[in-house]
C-alpha atoms as a PDB file:
ATOM      1  CA  MET A   1      81.573  99.843  54.445  1.00  0.00           C
ATOM      2  CA  ILE A   2      78.545  98.201  56.023  1.00  0.00           C
ATOM      3  CA  PHE A   3      76.930 100.468  58.622  1.00  0.00           C
ATOM      4  CA  PRO A   4      74.713  99.114  61.474  1.00  0.00           C
ATOM      5  CA  VAL A   5      71.789 100.963  59.893  1.00  0.00           C
ATOM      6  CA  PRO A   6      72.025 100.658  56.008  1.00  0.00           C
ATOM      7  CA  GLY A   7      73.321 103.879  54.383  1.00  0.00           C
ATOM      8  CA  GLN A   8      73.574 105.786  57.706  1.00  0.00           C
ATOM      9  CA  PRO A   9      76.867 106.354  59.534  1.00  0.00           C
ATOM     10  CA  PRO A  10      76.134 105.562  63.196  1.00  0.00           C
ATOM     11  CA  GLU A  11      77.178 108.992  64.410  1.00  0.00           C
ATOM     12  CA  LEU A  12      74.688 110.731  62.092  1.00  0.00           C
ATOM     13  CA  LEU A  13      71.614 108.726  63.208  1.00  0.00           C
ATOM     14  CA  PRO A  14      69.581 110.130  66.109  1.00  0.00           C
ATOM     15  CA  ARG A  15      69.588 107.878  69.170  1.00  0.00           C
ATOM     16  CA  ASP A  16      65.835 107.383  69.097  1.00  0.00           C
ATOM     17  CA  GLN A  17      66.089 106.022  65.515  1.00  0.00           C
ATOM     18  CA  ARG A  18      68.698 103.422  66.224  1.00  0.00           C
ATOM     19  CA  THR A  19      67.695  99.783  66.343  1.00  0.00           C
ATOM     20  CA  ARG A  20      69.447  96.407  66.617  1.00  0.00           C
ATOM     21  CA  LEU A  21      70.016  95.001  63.107  1.00  0.00           C
ATOM     22  CA  ILE A  22      71.919  92.094  61.665  1.00  0.00           C
ATOM     23  CA  THR A  23      73.541  92.156  58.242  1.00  0.00           C
ATOM     24  CA  LEU A  24      74.124  88.914  56.352  1.00  0.00           C
ATOM     25  CA  THR A  25      76.276  88.801  53.263  1.00  0.00           C
ATOM     26  CA  THR A  26      76.981  86.010  50.846  1.00  0.00           C
ATOM     27  CA  CYS A  27      78.529  85.638  47.364  1.00  0.00           C
ATOM     28  CA  HIS A  28      78.469  83.131  44.527  1.00  0.00           C
ATOM     29  CA  PRO A  29      80.771  81.639  43.383  1.00  0.00           C
ATOM     30  CA  GLU A  30      82.477  81.466  46.783  1.00  0.00           C
ATOM     31  CA  PHE A  31      84.899  84.300  47.489  1.00  0.00           C
ATOM     32  CA  SER A  32      83.957  86.229  44.320  1.00  0.00           C
ATOM     33  CA  ALA A  33      82.053  89.469  43.660  1.00  0.00           C
ATOM     34  CA  GLU A  34      80.202  87.993  40.631  1.00  0.00           C
ATOM     35  CA  GLN A  35      76.894  87.590  42.482  1.00  0.00           C
ATOM     36  CA  ARG A  36      76.406  89.190  45.849  1.00  0.00           C
ATOM     37  CA  LEU A  37      73.480  89.179  48.273  1.00  0.00           C
ATOM     38  CA  ILE A  38      73.125  91.445  51.313  1.00  0.00           C
ATOM     39  CA  VAL A  39      70.250  90.997  53.676  1.00  0.00           C
ATOM     40  CA  HIS A  40      69.260  93.152  56.643  1.00  0.00           C
ATOM     41  CA  GLY A  41      67.210  91.773  59.591  1.00  0.00           C
ATOM     42  CA  VAL A  42      65.719  93.555  62.644  1.00  0.00           C
ATOM     43  CA  LEU A  43      65.937  92.135  66.167  1.00  0.00           C
ATOM     44  CA  VAL A  44      62.286  91.565  67.327  1.00  0.00           C
ATOM     45  CA  LYS A  45      62.800  89.278  70.247  1.00  0.00           C
ATOM     46  CA  GLN A  46      65.618  88.299  72.613  1.00  0.00           C
ATOM     47  CA  TYR A  47      65.907  85.190  74.856  1.00  0.00           C
ATOM     48  CA  PRO A  48      68.242  85.172  77.874  1.00  0.00           C
ATOM     49  CA  LYS A  49      70.593  82.233  78.200  1.00  0.00           C
ATOM     50  CA  ASP A  50      69.922  79.818  81.064  1.00  0.00           C
ATOM     51  CA  PRO A  51      73.106  78.237  82.377  1.00  0.00           C
ATOM     52  CA  ALA A  52      71.066  75.476  84.038  1.00  0.00           C
ATOM     53  CA  HIS A  53      69.664  74.453  80.603  1.00  0.00           C
ATOM     54  CA  PRO A  54      72.378  75.107  77.975  1.00  0.00           C
ATOM     55  CA  GLY A  55      70.549  73.107  75.262  1.00  0.00           C
ATOM     56  CA  LEU A  56      67.174  74.838  75.664  1.00  0.00           C
ATOM     57  CA  ARG A  57      66.045  76.416  72.483  1.00  0.00           C
ATOM     58  CA  PRO A  58      63.093  78.836  71.793  1.00  0.00           C
ATOM     59  CA  ALA A  59      60.057  77.171  70.312  1.00  0.00           C
ATOM     60  CA  GLU A  60      60.558  79.220  67.070  1.00  0.00           C
ATOM     61  CA  LEU A  61      63.760  77.301  66.444  1.00  0.00           C
ATOM     62  CA  GLU A  62      62.273  73.791  66.902  1.00  0.00           C
ATOM     63  CA  GLU A  63      61.300  71.713  63.948  1.00  0.00           C
ATOM     64  CA  ARG A  64      57.621  70.821  63.602  1.00  0.00           C
END
């Protein structure tokens, strides 16, 4: 099972230690367990959606 905080069931983690994470998983060859990669990321910034500008993207996502 993949928990929101790696290795910690949510009910055992104190509220002040909870954070917003993303877990990405992949495997190679596709649909196999031969090679597996699990990556955890931490939310550091959030952008509200603007209905008036649906195509607007944060500067961090633009190509240079």
